Amino acid sequence: MVEILTGFVFILVVGGSVVLGSYLDAVRSQAVRRLRPEAAARVPVLPSPWLVWRELVARIGTMVPASSKDQPALKRRLIRAGFRNPHAGRYFYGFRAVGVVVLGGLALFVGLHNHNENTFLLVGAMGWFGFMAPSQYLSVRIRRRAHQIEKGLPNALDLMVVCVESGLGMDQAILQVARELMAAHPEISEELSLVNLELRAGKRRAEALHNLAGRTGVEDVKKLVAVLVQTDRFGTSIAQSLRGHADYLRTMARQRAEEQASKLAVKLVFPIFFCVLPSLFAVTVGPVITRLVRDLIPMIENT
C-alpha cells in the first residue's frame, strides 16, 4: 500500500512539474513573441490592370519607329500639356499604334460581318482616326492648360508684388508664390516650382525665365518674362513693373471678353435662322394655313 501511495505521489509530482514547466514555457514564448517585431504579412500582390496596360503600351511605343526630327517638337508639346515623364513619348507612340490597330481591326470586323462594300474605306478612316486621336487629345490638353495659366497669371503677379514689397527677393518671391498657389492655380505653381529648382541648380535667372516661357508657350508668360529680364538687367523697380504688367493683363482679358461678346450676335445668326425660325413659323403660321385649307377648299369645290 505504501509503495502504491509513493508511486502515485511521484507520478503526481512529475505530472505537475511537466504541466507547470509547459505553462511557464508558453508564457515565456508569448512574452518573447510580444517583444519581437511582427513580420509583414505576405499578401499576394496582383498587378493593377492599369499598370499592366501602361507597361504594354510603353513596350509597343518602344517598338514603334519614330523620327529623330520629330522628337524635340513632341517633347515640347508633351511638356506644354503637363506630361513630364521621361517616357511620355513612348506612351504617346504606343497609344497611337494601339489606336490604329484596335480601331482598324474593329472596323474590319464590322465591315466583314455586315458584308459592307466600303470595308477598306471604313478601315482606313478608323485607322486614321486612331492615329490622330492622341495628337488631338494632346492639343486639347495644351489649350486647356494654357487657358488655366492665363487665367491665374494676374493673381500670381499680385501675390508676387506683395512678396517683393514685403522685403523678399525675386527668387524667394517666386518660391513663396509657388507654395501659396498650389491649390488655387496648380499649373502656375508647378511652373514656378520648376523655375525655383533651376535656380537652385545654378542656372542664371534669365535662362530659367526663358525656359519658363518655352515650357508654357503662353504669350502672356513670354511678355512677363521679357519684363522681368529687362527689369533685372536695368535695375528698375520689380514691384512697379509687376503691378503694371498685372494691370495690363487684366485689361487685355477684359478686352478679349468684350470682343467675344461682340461676336456673339453674329454667331447666333445661323442657329436662329436654321433652328429657331422654322419652329417659330410652324407654330405661328401652321394653324393659319391649316384653317385656310380646311375652309377654302370646300368653298372652291362648291363653286
C-alpha atoms as a PDB file:
ATOM      1  CA  MET A   1       0.000   0.000   0.000  1.00  0.00           C
ATOM      2  CA  VAL A   2       2.837   2.328   0.868  1.00  0.00           C
ATOM      3  CA  GLU A   3       4.540   1.577  -2.446  1.00  0.00           C
ATOM      4  CA  ILE A   4       1.363   2.408  -4.361  1.00  0.00           C
ATOM      5  CA  LEU A   5       0.907   5.673  -2.475  1.00  0.00           C
ATOM      6  CA  THR A   6       4.553   6.579  -3.070  1.00  0.00           C
ATOM      7  CA  GLY A   7       4.237   5.850  -6.780  1.00  0.00           C
ATOM      8  CA  PHE A   8       1.067   7.886  -7.008  1.00  0.00           C
ATOM      9  CA  VAL A   9       2.761  10.851  -5.293  1.00  0.00           C
ATOM     10  CA  PHE A  10       5.748  10.530  -7.601  1.00  0.00           C
ATOM     11  CA  ILE A  11       3.543  10.473 -10.701  1.00  0.00           C
ATOM     12  CA  LEU A  12       1.581  13.450  -9.375  1.00  0.00           C
ATOM     13  CA  VAL A  13       4.747  15.459  -8.710  1.00  0.00           C
ATOM     14  CA  VAL A  14       6.232  14.621 -12.099  1.00  0.00           C
ATOM     15  CA  GLY A  15       2.992  15.392 -13.907  1.00  0.00           C
ATOM     16  CA  GLY A  16       2.587  18.670 -12.037  1.00  0.00           C
ATOM     17  CA  SER A  17       6.177  19.590 -12.831  1.00  0.00           C
ATOM     18  CA  VAL A  18       5.613  18.870 -16.536  1.00  0.00           C
ATOM     19  CA  VAL A  19       2.394  20.891 -16.623  1.00  0.00           C
ATOM     20  CA  LEU A  20       3.976  23.778 -14.746  1.00  0.00           C
ATOM     21  CA  GLY A  21       7.026  23.726 -16.980  1.00  0.00           C
ATOM     22  CA  SER A  22       4.849  23.705 -20.104  1.00  0.00           C
ATOM     23  CA  TYR A  23       2.807  26.622 -18.759  1.00  0.00           C
ATOM     24  CA  LEU A  24       5.899  28.660 -17.897  1.00  0.00           C
ATOM     25  CA  ASP A  25       7.409  27.924 -21.324  1.00  0.00           C
ATOM     26  CA  ALA A  26       4.199  29.033 -23.004  1.00  0.00           C
ATOM     27  CA  VAL A  27       4.170  32.266 -21.003  1.00  0.00           C
ATOM     28  CA  ARG A  28       7.834  32.895 -21.867  1.00  0.00           C
ATOM     29  CA  SER A  29       7.216  32.220 -25.561  1.00  0.00           C
ATOM     30  CA  GLN A  30       4.237  34.584 -25.568  1.00  0.00           C
ATOM     31  CA  ALA A  31       6.319  37.303 -23.906  1.00  0.00           C
ATOM     32  CA  VAL A  32       9.131  36.842 -26.419  1.00  0.00           C
ATOM     33  CA  ARG A  33       6.571  36.937 -29.264  1.00  0.00           C
ATOM     34  CA  ARG A  34       5.215  40.252 -27.986  1.00  0.00           C
ATOM     35  CA  LEU A  35       8.673  41.813 -27.862  1.00  0.00           C
ATOM     36  CA  ARG A  36       9.670  40.508 -31.285  1.00  0.00           C
ATOM     37  CA  PRO A  37       8.698  42.820 -34.191  1.00  0.00           C
ATOM     38  CA  GLU A  38       5.949  41.346 -36.276  1.00  0.00           C
ATOM     39  CA  ALA A  39       6.896  40.360 -39.783  1.00  0.00           C
ATOM     40  CA  ALA A  40       4.903  41.941 -42.526  1.00  0.00           C
ATOM     41  CA  ALA A  41       2.190  39.682 -43.712  1.00  0.00           C
ATOM     42  CA  ARG A  42       2.880  38.396 -47.156  1.00  0.00           C
ATOM     43  CA  VAL A  43      -0.159  39.304 -49.152  1.00  0.00           C
ATOM     44  CA  PRO A  44      -0.130  38.192 -52.754  1.00  0.00           C
ATOM     45  CA  VAL A  45       0.096  41.406 -54.729  1.00  0.00           C
ATOM     46  CA  LEU A  46      -1.716  41.319 -58.031  1.00  0.00           C
ATOM     47  CA  PRO A  47      -0.630  43.853 -60.639  1.00  0.00           C
ATOM     48  CA  SER A  48      -3.134  46.583 -61.353  1.00  0.00           C
ATOM     49  CA  PRO A  49      -4.837  46.359 -64.759  1.00  0.00           C
ATOM     50  CA  TRP A  50      -3.870  49.964 -65.421  1.00  0.00           C
ATOM     51  CA  LEU A  51      -0.203  49.229 -64.674  1.00  0.00           C
ATOM     52  CA  VAL A  52      -0.287  46.210 -66.980  1.00  0.00           C
ATOM     53  CA  TRP A  53      -1.929  48.244 -69.718  1.00  0.00           C
ATOM     54  CA  ARG A  54       0.555  51.086 -69.289  1.00  0.00           C
ATOM     55  CA  GLU A  55       3.523  48.727 -69.442  1.00  0.00           C
ATOM     56  CA  LEU A  56       2.101  47.092 -72.556  1.00  0.00           C
ATOM     57  CA  VAL A  57       1.588  50.454 -74.242  1.00  0.00           C
ATOM     58  CA  ALA A  58       5.126  51.527 -73.294  1.00  0.00           C
ATOM     59  CA  ARG A  59       6.592  48.369 -74.819  1.00  0.00           C
ATOM     60  CA  ILE A  60       4.599  48.875 -78.001  1.00  0.00           C
ATOM     61  CA  GLY A  61       5.721  52.503 -78.144  1.00  0.00           C
ATOM     62  CA  THR A  62       9.344  51.381 -77.821  1.00  0.00           C
ATOM     63  CA  MET A  63       8.978  49.087 -80.827  1.00  0.00           C
ATOM     64  CA  VAL A  64       7.295  51.752 -82.999  1.00  0.00           C
ATOM     65  CA  PRO A  65       9.847  53.509 -85.225  1.00  0.00           C
ATOM     66  CA  ALA A  66       9.973  57.267 -84.594  1.00  0.00           C
ATOM     67  CA  SER A  67      11.709  60.031 -86.483  1.00  0.00           C
ATOM     68  CA  SER A  68      14.507  61.769 -84.587  1.00  0.00           C
ATOM     69  CA  LYS A  69      13.452  65.092 -86.121  1.00  0.00           C
ATOM     70  CA  ASP A  70      10.009  64.900 -84.524  1.00  0.00           C
ATOM     71  CA  GLN A  71      11.279  64.038 -81.031  1.00  0.00           C
ATOM     72  CA  PRO A  72      12.077  67.626 -79.844  1.00  0.00           C
ATOM     73  CA  ALA A  73       8.751  69.000 -81.056  1.00  0.00           C
ATOM     74  CA  LEU A  74       6.837  66.110 -79.478  1.00  0.00           C
ATOM     75  CA  LYS A  75       8.711  66.514 -76.199  1.00  0.00           C
ATOM     76  CA  ARG A  76       7.915  70.240 -76.169  1.00  0.00           C
ATOM     77  CA  ARG A  77       4.221  69.542 -76.793  1.00  0.00           C
ATOM     78  CA  LEU A  78       4.120  66.905 -74.054  1.00  0.00           C
ATOM     79  CA  ILE A  79       5.700  69.302 -71.577  1.00  0.00           C
ATOM     80  CA  ARG A  80       3.237  72.049 -72.510  1.00  0.00           C
ATOM     81  CA  ALA A  81       0.400  69.576 -71.967  1.00  0.00           C
ATOM     82  CA  GLY A  82       1.732  68.750 -68.489  1.00  0.00           C
ATOM     83  CA  PHE A  83       3.295  65.327 -69.194  1.00  0.00           C
ATOM     84  CA  ARG A  84       6.822  65.494 -67.760  1.00  0.00           C
ATOM     85  CA  ASN A  85       7.527  61.768 -67.590  1.00  0.00           C
ATOM     86  CA  PRO A  86      10.772  60.980 -69.445  1.00  0.00           C
ATOM     87  CA  HIS A  87       8.980  58.067 -71.138  1.00  0.00           C
ATOM     88  CA  ALA A  88       5.926  60.093 -72.180  1.00  0.00           C
ATOM     89  CA  GLY A  89       6.985  59.912 -75.830  1.00  0.00           C
ATOM     90  CA  ARG A  90       6.898  56.107 -75.726  1.00  0.00           C
ATOM     91  CA  TYR A  91       3.395  56.181 -74.261  1.00  0.00           C
ATOM     92  CA  PHE A  92       2.302  58.592 -76.993  1.00  0.00           C
ATOM     93  CA  TYR A  93       3.581  56.373 -79.804  1.00  0.00           C
ATOM     94  CA  GLY A  94       2.188  53.310 -78.045  1.00  0.00           C
ATOM     95  CA  PHE A  95      -1.310  54.757 -77.740  1.00  0.00           C
ATOM     96  CA  ARG A  96      -1.146  55.830 -81.376  1.00  0.00           C
ATOM     97  CA  ALA A  97      -0.195  52.311 -82.521  1.00  0.00           C
ATOM     98  CA  VAL A  98      -2.825  50.680 -80.299  1.00  0.00           C
ATOM     99  CA  GLY A  99      -5.484  53.093 -81.565  1.00  0.00           C
ATOM    100  CA  VAL A 100      -4.691  52.312 -85.199  1.00  0.00           C
ATOM    101  CA  VAL A 101      -4.709  48.547 -84.649  1.00  0.00           C
ATOM    102  CA  VAL A 102      -7.788  48.376 -82.398  1.00  0.00           C
ATOM    103  CA  LEU A 103      -9.996  50.777 -84.344  1.00  0.00           C
ATOM    104  CA  GLY A 104      -8.861  49.391 -87.686  1.00  0.00           C
ATOM    105  CA  GLY A 105      -9.489  45.835 -86.551  1.00  0.00           C
ATOM    106  CA  LEU A 106     -12.902  46.764 -85.164  1.00  0.00           C
ATOM    107  CA  ALA A 107     -13.862  48.456 -88.434  1.00  0.00           C
ATOM    108  CA  LEU A 108     -12.648  45.413 -90.403  1.00  0.00           C
ATOM    109  CA  PHE A 109     -14.702  43.050 -88.222  1.00  0.00           C
ATOM    110  CA  VAL A 110     -17.863  45.170 -88.546  1.00  0.00           C
ATOM    111  CA  GLY A 111     -17.406  45.554 -92.302  1.00  0.00           C
ATOM    112  CA  LEU A 112     -16.872  41.845 -92.928  1.00  0.00           C
ATOM    113  CA  HIS A 113     -19.722  40.883 -90.613  1.00  0.00           C
ATOM    114  CA  ASN A 114     -22.183  43.180 -92.419  1.00  0.00           C
ATOM    115  CA  HIS A 115     -20.729  42.465 -95.878  1.00  0.00           C
ATOM    116  CA  ASN A 116     -20.157  46.151 -96.457  1.00  0.00           C
ATOM    117  CA  GLU A 117     -18.703  47.111 -99.823  1.00  0.00           C
ATOM    118  CA  ASN A 118     -16.795  50.068 -98.317  1.00  0.00           C
ATOM    119  CA  THR A 119     -14.997  47.959 -95.726  1.00  0.00           C
ATOM    120  CA  PHE A 120     -11.500  49.044 -96.693  1.00  0.00           C
ATOM    121  CA  LEU A 121     -12.555  52.683 -96.781  1.00  0.00           C
ATOM    122  CA  LEU A 122     -14.037  52.310 -93.291  1.00  0.00           C
ATOM    123  CA  VAL A 123     -10.875  50.586 -92.041  1.00  0.00           C
ATOM    124  CA  GLY A 124      -8.719  53.394 -93.430  1.00  0.00           C
ATOM    125  CA  ALA A 125     -10.918  56.068 -91.857  1.00  0.00           C
ATOM    126  CA  MET A 126     -10.958  54.414 -88.439  1.00  0.00           C
ATOM    127  CA  GLY A 127      -7.214  53.754 -88.597  1.00  0.00           C
ATOM    128  CA  TRP A 128      -6.603  57.418 -89.425  1.00  0.00           C
ATOM    129  CA  PHE A 129      -8.844  58.420 -86.535  1.00  0.00           C
ATOM    130  CA  GLY A 130      -6.877  56.180 -84.165  1.00  0.00           C
ATOM    131  CA  PHE A 131      -3.650  57.669 -85.487  1.00  0.00           C
ATOM    132  CA  MET A 132      -4.777  61.283 -85.000  1.00  0.00           C
ATOM    133  CA  ALA A 133      -6.696  60.885 -81.717  1.00  0.00           C
ATOM    134  CA  PRO A 134      -3.640  61.085 -79.371  1.00  0.00           C
ATOM    135  CA  SER A 135      -2.370  64.185 -81.142  1.00  0.00           C
ATOM    136  CA  GLN A 136      -5.767  65.884 -80.930  1.00  0.00           C
ATOM    137  CA  TYR A 137      -6.049  64.978 -77.247  1.00  0.00           C
ATOM    138  CA  LEU A 138      -2.625  66.491 -76.708  1.00  0.00           C
ATOM    139  CA  SER A 139      -3.699  69.703 -78.455  1.00  0.00           C
ATOM    140  CA  VAL A 140      -6.799  69.927 -76.256  1.00  0.00           C
ATOM    141  CA  ARG A 141      -4.680  69.474 -73.127  1.00  0.00           C
ATOM    142  CA  ILE A 142      -2.249  72.176 -74.275  1.00  0.00           C
ATOM    143  CA  ARG A 143      -5.041  74.691 -74.912  1.00  0.00           C
ATOM    144  CA  ARG A 144      -6.751  73.912 -71.611  1.00  0.00           C
ATOM    145  CA  ARG A 145      -3.522  74.255 -69.642  1.00  0.00           C
ATOM    146  CA  ALA A 146      -2.607  77.492 -71.415  1.00  0.00           C
ATOM    147  CA  HIS A 147      -6.043  78.889 -70.588  1.00  0.00           C
ATOM    148  CA  GLN A 148      -5.623  77.979 -66.914  1.00  0.00           C
ATOM    149  CA  ILE A 149      -2.224  79.683 -66.839  1.00  0.00           C
ATOM    150  CA  GLU A 150      -3.592  82.828 -68.480  1.00  0.00           C
ATOM    151  CA  LYS A 151      -6.486  82.864 -66.026  1.00  0.00           C
ATOM    152  CA  GLY A 152      -4.324  82.672 -62.901  1.00  0.00           C
ATOM    153  CA  LEU A 153      -1.365  84.775 -64.037  1.00  0.00           C
ATOM    154  CA  PRO A 154      -2.706  88.185 -62.821  1.00  0.00           C
ATOM    155  CA  ASN A 155      -3.346  86.753 -59.336  1.00  0.00           C
ATOM    156  CA  ALA A 156       0.154  85.296 -59.281  1.00  0.00           C
ATOM    157  CA  LEU A 157       1.618  88.684 -60.213  1.00  0.00           C
ATOM    158  CA  ASP A 158      -0.355  90.458 -57.474  1.00  0.00           C
ATOM    159  CA  LEU A 159       0.882  87.951 -54.904  1.00  0.00           C
ATOM    160  CA  MET A 160       4.416  88.370 -56.204  1.00  0.00           C
ATOM    161  CA  VAL A 161       4.116  92.145 -55.810  1.00  0.00           C
ATOM    162  CA  VAL A 162       3.074  91.669 -52.174  1.00  0.00           C
ATOM    163  CA  CYS A 163       6.039  89.354 -51.575  1.00  0.00           C
ATOM    164  CA  VAL A 164       8.529  91.739 -53.189  1.00  0.00           C
ATOM    165  CA  GLU A 165       7.200  94.781 -51.339  1.00  0.00           C
ATOM    166  CA  SER A 166       7.396  92.878 -48.042  1.00  0.00           C
ATOM    167  CA  GLY A 167      11.156  92.538 -48.478  1.00  0.00           C
ATOM    168  CA  LEU A 168      11.641  89.192 -50.236  1.00  0.00           C
ATOM    169  CA  GLY A 169      13.989  88.811 -53.157  1.00  0.00           C
ATOM    170  CA  MET A 170      12.890  87.725 -56.582  1.00  0.00           C
ATOM    171  CA  ASP A 171      13.856  84.082 -56.092  1.00  0.00           C
ATOM    172  CA  GLN A 172      12.196  83.859 -52.675  1.00  0.00           C
ATOM    173  CA  ALA A 173       9.088  85.582 -54.050  1.00  0.00           C
ATOM    174  CA  ILE A 174       8.818  83.008 -56.852  1.00  0.00           C
ATOM    175  CA  LEU A 175       9.121  80.176 -54.317  1.00  0.00           C
ATOM    176  CA  GLN A 176       6.520  81.728 -51.995  1.00  0.00           C
ATOM    177  CA  VAL A 177       4.052  82.304 -54.832  1.00  0.00           C
ATOM    178  CA  ALA A 178       4.503  78.691 -55.958  1.00  0.00           C
ATOM    179  CA  ARG A 179       3.645  77.477 -52.454  1.00  0.00           C
ATOM    180  CA  GLU A 180       0.632  79.743 -51.991  1.00  0.00           C
ATOM    181  CA  LEU A 181      -0.951  78.984 -55.389  1.00  0.00           C
ATOM    182  CA  MET A 182      -0.601  75.215 -55.136  1.00  0.00           C
ATOM    183  CA  ALA A 183      -4.329  74.736 -54.519  1.00  0.00           C
ATOM    184  CA  ALA A 184      -5.838  77.642 -56.478  1.00  0.00           C
ATOM    185  CA  HIS A 185      -3.672  77.511 -59.620  1.00  0.00           C
ATOM    186  CA  PRO A 186      -1.656  74.258 -59.697  1.00  0.00           C
ATOM    187  CA  GLU A 187      -0.385  74.851 -63.244  1.00  0.00           C
ATOM    188  CA  ILE A 188       1.318  78.147 -62.371  1.00  0.00           C
ATOM    189  CA  SER A 189       2.547  76.692 -59.083  1.00  0.00           C
ATOM    190  CA  GLU A 190       4.166  73.785 -60.913  1.00  0.00           C
ATOM    191  CA  GLU A 191       5.909  76.039 -63.433  1.00  0.00           C
ATOM    192  CA  LEU A 192       7.209  78.424 -60.772  1.00  0.00           C
ATOM    193  CA  SER A 193       8.452  75.476 -58.712  1.00  0.00           C
ATOM    194  CA  LEU A 194      10.453  74.309 -61.725  1.00  0.00           C
ATOM    195  CA  VAL A 195      11.899  77.809 -62.083  1.00  0.00           C
ATOM    196  CA  ASN A 196      12.976  77.685 -58.436  1.00  0.00           C
ATOM    197  CA  LEU A 197      14.574  74.256 -58.924  1.00  0.00           C
ATOM    198  CA  GLU A 198      16.505  75.517 -61.947  1.00  0.00           C
ATOM    199  CA  LEU A 199      17.739  78.498 -59.956  1.00  0.00           C
ATOM    200  CA  ARG A 200      18.889  76.183 -57.163  1.00  0.00           C
ATOM    201  CA  ALA A 201      20.664  74.018 -59.727  1.00  0.00           C
ATOM    202  CA  GLY A 202      22.817  77.009 -60.729  1.00  0.00           C
ATOM    203  CA  LYS A 203      21.122  78.393 -63.819  1.00  0.00           C
ATOM    204  CA  ARG A 204      21.002  82.118 -64.366  1.00  0.00           C
ATOM    205  CA  ARG A 205      17.700  83.823 -63.649  1.00  0.00           C
ATOM    206  CA  ALA A 206      17.276  84.992 -67.242  1.00  0.00           C
ATOM    207  CA  GLU A 207      17.819  81.458 -68.552  1.00  0.00           C
ATOM    208  CA  ALA A 208      15.357  79.969 -66.058  1.00  0.00           C
ATOM    209  CA  LEU A 209      12.732  82.552 -67.007  1.00  0.00           C
ATOM    210  CA  HIS A 210      13.236  81.901 -70.724  1.00  0.00           C
ATOM    211  CA  ASN A 211      12.782  78.192 -70.038  1.00  0.00           C
ATOM    212  CA  LEU A 212       9.513  79.054 -68.272  1.00  0.00           C
ATOM    213  CA  ALA A 213       8.262  80.846 -71.390  1.00  0.00           C
ATOM    214  CA  GLY A 214       9.308  77.931 -73.593  1.00  0.00           C
ATOM    215  CA  ARG A 215       7.615  75.323 -71.401  1.00  0.00           C
ATOM    216  CA  THR A 216       4.269  77.086 -71.212  1.00  0.00           C
ATOM    217  CA  GLY A 217       4.026  78.524 -74.724  1.00  0.00           C
ATOM    218  CA  VAL A 218       1.660  81.241 -73.431  1.00  0.00           C
ATOM    219  CA  GLU A 219       2.047  84.684 -74.935  1.00  0.00           C
ATOM    220  CA  ASP A 220       1.317  86.480 -71.654  1.00  0.00           C
ATOM    221  CA  VAL A 221       4.038  84.479 -69.907  1.00  0.00           C
ATOM    222  CA  LYS A 222       6.506  85.409 -72.659  1.00  0.00           C
ATOM    223  CA  LYS A 223       5.687  89.092 -72.130  1.00  0.00           C
ATOM    224  CA  LEU A 224       6.095  88.678 -68.368  1.00  0.00           C
ATOM    225  CA  VAL A 225       9.484  87.015 -68.870  1.00  0.00           C
ATOM    226  CA  ALA A 226      10.586  89.880 -71.110  1.00  0.00           C
ATOM    227  CA  VAL A 227       9.522  92.400 -68.450  1.00  0.00           C
ATOM    228  CA  LEU A 228      11.339  90.534 -65.666  1.00  0.00           C
ATOM    229  CA  VAL A 229      14.532  90.125 -67.699  1.00  0.00           C
ATOM    230  CA  GLN A 230      14.601  93.812 -68.597  1.00  0.00           C
ATOM    231  CA  THR A 231      13.876  94.786 -65.008  1.00  0.00           C
ATOM    232  CA  ASP A 232      16.694  92.570 -63.761  1.00  0.00           C
ATOM    233  CA  ARG A 233      19.069  93.911 -66.402  1.00  0.00           C
ATOM    234  CA  PHE A 234      18.424  97.633 -65.915  1.00  0.00           C
ATOM    235  CA  GLY A 235      17.793  97.529 -62.151  1.00  0.00           C
ATOM    236  CA  THR A 236      14.347  99.136 -62.150  1.00  0.00           C
ATOM    237  CA  SER A 237      11.648  98.525 -59.546  1.00  0.00           C
ATOM    238  CA  ILE A 238      10.390  94.945 -59.754  1.00  0.00           C
ATOM    239  CA  ALA A 239       7.202  95.635 -57.799  1.00  0.00           C
ATOM    240  CA  GLN A 240       6.201  98.538 -60.027  1.00  0.00           C
ATOM    241  CA  SER A 241       6.888  96.522 -63.182  1.00  0.00           C
ATOM    242  CA  LEU A 242       4.886  93.559 -61.924  1.00  0.00           C
ATOM    243  CA  ARG A 243       1.958  95.722 -60.846  1.00  0.00           C
ATOM    244  CA  GLY A 244       1.863  97.456 -64.221  1.00  0.00           C
ATOM    245  CA  HIS A 245       2.045  94.158 -66.074  1.00  0.00           C
ATOM    246  CA  ALA A 246      -0.763  92.692 -63.927  1.00  0.00           C
ATOM    247  CA  ASP A 247      -2.986  95.659 -64.793  1.00  0.00           C
ATOM    248  CA  TYR A 248      -2.093  95.185 -68.450  1.00  0.00           C
ATOM    249  CA  LEU A 249      -3.048  91.513 -68.337  1.00  0.00           C
ATOM    250  CA  ARG A 250      -6.407  92.282 -66.728  1.00  0.00           C
ATOM    251  CA  THR A 251      -7.103  94.972 -69.318  1.00  0.00           C
ATOM    252  CA  MET A 252      -6.277  92.550 -72.132  1.00  0.00           C
ATOM    253  CA  ALA A 253      -8.501  89.873 -70.587  1.00  0.00           C
ATOM    254  CA  ARG A 254     -11.384  92.338 -70.337  1.00  0.00           C
ATOM    255  CA  GLN A 255     -10.889  93.410 -73.955  1.00  0.00           C
ATOM    256  CA  ARG A 256     -10.874  89.782 -75.115  1.00  0.00           C
ATOM    257  CA  ALA A 257     -14.120  89.175 -73.215  1.00  0.00           C
ATOM    258  CA  GLU A 258     -15.697  92.253 -74.828  1.00  0.00           C
ATOM    259  CA  GLU A 259     -14.527  91.054 -78.238  1.00  0.00           C
ATOM    260  CA  GLN A 260     -16.136  87.653 -77.696  1.00  0.00           C
ATOM    261  CA  ALA A 261     -19.359  89.332 -76.553  1.00  0.00           C
ATOM    262  CA  SER A 262     -19.395  91.488 -79.693  1.00  0.00           C
ATOM    263  CA  LYS A 263     -19.007  88.423 -81.918  1.00  0.00           C
ATOM    264  CA  LEU A 264     -21.867  86.650 -80.185  1.00  0.00           C
ATOM    265  CA  ALA A 265     -24.598  88.414 -82.183  1.00  0.00           C
ATOM    266  CA  VAL A 266     -23.051  87.393 -85.498  1.00  0.00           C
ATOM    267  CA  LYS A 267     -22.517  83.812 -84.359  1.00  0.00           C
ATOM    268  CA  LEU A 268     -26.178  83.500 -83.317  1.00  0.00           C
ATOM    269  CA  VAL A 269     -27.496  84.364 -86.791  1.00  0.00           C
ATOM    270  CA  PHE A 270     -27.139  80.869 -88.236  1.00  0.00           C
ATOM    271  CA  PRO A 271     -28.587  78.944 -85.235  1.00  0.00           C
ATOM    272  CA  ILE A 272     -31.525  81.337 -85.111  1.00  0.00           C
ATOM    273  CA  PHE A 273     -32.120  81.144 -88.864  1.00  0.00           C
ATOM    274  CA  PHE A 274     -31.892  77.362 -89.185  1.00  0.00           C
ATOM    275  CA  CYS A 275     -33.217  76.227 -85.776  1.00  0.00           C
ATOM    276  CA  VAL A 276     -35.450  78.865 -84.184  1.00  0.00           C
ATOM    277  CA  LEU A 277     -37.235  80.440 -87.163  1.00  0.00           C
ATOM    278  CA  PRO A 278     -38.534  77.178 -88.735  1.00  0.00           C
ATOM    279  CA  SER A 279     -40.110  76.103 -85.451  1.00  0.00           C
ATOM    280  CA  LEU A 280     -41.481  79.617 -84.923  1.00  0.00           C
ATOM    281  CA  PHE A 281     -43.076  79.604 -88.394  1.00  0.00           C
ATOM    282  CA  ALA A 282     -44.514  76.133 -87.786  1.00  0.00           C
ATOM    283  CA  VAL A 283     -46.123  77.263 -84.527  1.00  0.00           C
ATOM    284  CA  THR A 284     -47.469  80.631 -85.728  1.00  0.00           C
ATOM    285  CA  VAL A 285     -48.252  80.120 -89.441  1.00  0.00           C
ATOM    286  CA  GLY A 286     -49.090  76.399 -89.333  1.00  0.00           C
ATOM    287  CA  PRO A 287     -52.555  76.721 -87.688  1.00  0.00           C
ATOM    288  CA  VAL A 288     -53.500  79.597 -90.017  1.00  0.00           C
ATOM    289  CA  ILE A 289     -52.577  77.605 -93.133  1.00  0.00           C
ATOM    290  CA  THR A 290     -54.454  74.574 -91.824  1.00  0.00           C
ATOM    291  CA  ARG A 291     -57.595  76.650 -91.208  1.00  0.00           C
ATOM    292  CA  LEU A 292     -57.398  78.304 -94.628  1.00  0.00           C
ATOM    293  CA  VAL A 293     -57.011  74.960 -96.377  1.00  0.00           C
ATOM    294  CA  ARG A 294     -59.872  73.461 -94.377  1.00  0.00           C
ATOM    295  CA  ASP A 295     -62.261  76.362 -95.122  1.00  0.00           C
ATOM    296  CA  LEU A 296     -61.245  77.402 -98.641  1.00  0.00           C
ATOM    297  CA  ILE A 297     -61.025  74.001-100.341  1.00  0.00           C
ATOM    298  CA  PRO A 298     -64.739  73.153 -99.696  1.00  0.00           C
ATOM    299  CA  MET A 299     -65.757  76.620-100.960  1.00  0.00           C
ATOM    300  CA  ILE A 300     -63.709  76.172-104.131  1.00  0.00           C
ATOM    301  CA  GLU A 301     -65.210  72.715-104.729  1.00  0.00           C
ATOM    302  CA  ASN A 302     -68.774  74.020-104.255  1.00  0.00           C
ATOM    303  CA  THR A 303     -68.261  76.800-106.758  1.00  0.00           C
END
